[in-house]
Amino acid sequence: MDEARIGLDFRRGLVRESLNGGVDVQWGIWLHAGRFISCAVVCCSPNRDADYRCPAT
């Protein structure tokens, strides 16, 4: 699906909801000339899928 059709505000809302729920987020889009960019945010604490504490705390 085209990035513009999904909408940045909608995607940001999903990211906010996921992180508040303790879920990591992976976001990637195709760029021009066959390049791909990927961004990951790890939900540190609490993370619903990890039994260990955040190393920063």
C-alpha atoms as a PDB file:
ATOM      1  CA  MET A   1       0.000   0.000   0.000  1.00  0.00           C
ATOM      2  CA  ASP A   2       1.274   3.434  -0.846  1.00  0.00           C
ATOM      3  CA  GLU A   3       2.673   5.395   2.115  1.00  0.00           C
ATOM      4  CA  ALA A   4       0.605   8.469   1.267  1.00  0.00           C
ATOM      5  CA  ARG A   5      -2.607   6.420   1.236  1.00  0.00           C
ATOM      6  CA  ILE A   6      -1.985   5.025   4.708  1.00  0.00           C
ATOM      7  CA  GLY A   7      -1.344   8.443   6.206  1.00  0.00           C
ATOM      8  CA  LEU A   8       1.345   9.510   8.628  1.00  0.00           C
ATOM      9  CA  ASP A   9      -1.111  10.475  11.381  1.00  0.00           C
ATOM     10  CA  PHE A  10      -2.716   7.021  11.254  1.00  0.00           C
ATOM     11  CA  ARG A  11       0.687   5.293  11.428  1.00  0.00           C
ATOM     12  CA  ARG A  12       1.829   7.497  14.318  1.00  0.00           C
ATOM     13  CA  GLY A  13      -1.334   6.630  16.206  1.00  0.00           C
ATOM     14  CA  LEU A  14      -0.645   2.917  15.766  1.00  0.00           C
ATOM     15  CA  VAL A  15       2.945   3.365  16.928  1.00  0.00           C
ATOM     16  CA  ARG A  16       1.858   5.308  20.022  1.00  0.00           C
ATOM     17  CA  GLU A  17      -0.758   2.676  20.849  1.00  0.00           C
ATOM     18  CA  SER A  18       1.723  -0.179  20.391  1.00  0.00           C
ATOM     19  CA  LEU A  19       4.459   1.359  22.541  1.00  0.00           C
ATOM     20  CA  ASN A  20       1.972   2.235  25.301  1.00  0.00           C
ATOM     21  CA  GLY A  21       0.854  -1.405  25.206  1.00  0.00           C
ATOM     22  CA  GLY A  22       4.402  -2.708  25.672  1.00  0.00           C
ATOM     23  CA  VAL A  23       4.948  -3.776  22.048  1.00  0.00           C
ATOM     24  CA  ASP A  24       8.053  -3.096  19.943  1.00  0.00           C
ATOM     25  CA  VAL A  25       7.546  -1.267  16.644  1.00  0.00           C
ATOM     26  CA  GLN A  26       9.176  -1.884  13.251  1.00  0.00           C
ATOM     27  CA  TRP A  27       8.477   0.591  10.452  1.00  0.00           C
ATOM     28  CA  GLY A  28       9.915   0.465   6.951  1.00  0.00           C
ATOM     29  CA  ILE A  29       9.238   2.070   3.588  1.00  0.00           C
ATOM     30  CA  TRP A  30      10.629   1.758   0.096  1.00  0.00           C
ATOM     31  CA  LEU A  31      12.500   4.799  -1.190  1.00  0.00           C
ATOM     32  CA  HIS A  32      13.431   5.762  -4.734  1.00  0.00           C
ATOM     33  CA  ALA A  33      15.940   3.691  -6.730  1.00  0.00           C
ATOM     34  CA  GLY A  34      15.100   0.451  -4.920  1.00  0.00           C
ATOM     35  CA  ARG A  35      16.323   1.547  -1.499  1.00  0.00           C
ATOM     36  CA  PHE A  36      14.558   0.607   1.718  1.00  0.00           C
ATOM     37  CA  ILE A  37      14.665   2.379   5.069  1.00  0.00           C
ATOM     38  CA  SER A  38      13.773   0.676   8.310  1.00  0.00           C
ATOM     39  CA  CYS A  39      13.296   2.088  11.789  1.00  0.00           C
ATOM     40  CA  ALA A  40      12.789   0.062  14.942  1.00  0.00           C
ATOM     41  CA  VAL A  41      11.763   1.210  18.413  1.00  0.00           C
ATOM     42  CA  VAL A  42      12.113  -1.249  21.258  1.00  0.00           C
ATOM     43  CA  CYS A  43       9.625  -0.775  24.065  1.00  0.00           C
ATOM     44  CA  CYS A  44      11.900  -0.955  27.054  1.00  0.00           C
ATOM     45  CA  SER A  45       9.727  -1.079  30.118  1.00  0.00           C
ATOM     46  CA  PRO A  46       7.297  -2.630  30.379  1.00  0.00           C
ATOM     47  CA  ASN A  47       7.749  -4.859  27.339  1.00  0.00           C
ATOM     48  CA  ARG A  48       5.026  -7.481  27.244  1.00  0.00           C
ATOM     49  CA  ASP A  49       7.275  -9.989  25.423  1.00  0.00           C
ATOM     50  CA  ALA A  50      10.407  -9.692  27.598  1.00  0.00           C
ATOM     51  CA  ASP A  51      10.943 -10.907  31.140  1.00  0.00           C
ATOM     52  CA  TYR A  52      13.902  -8.624  31.836  1.00  0.00           C
ATOM     53  CA  ARG A  53      14.088  -4.978  32.813  1.00  0.00           C
ATOM     54  CA  CYS A  54      15.310  -2.202  30.589  1.00  0.00           C
ATOM     55  CA  PRO A  55      19.106  -1.821  30.883  1.00  0.00           C
ATOM     56  CA  ALA A  56      18.680   1.953  31.198  1.00  0.00           C
ATOM     57  CA  THR A  57      16.678   1.682  34.433  1.00  0.00           C
END
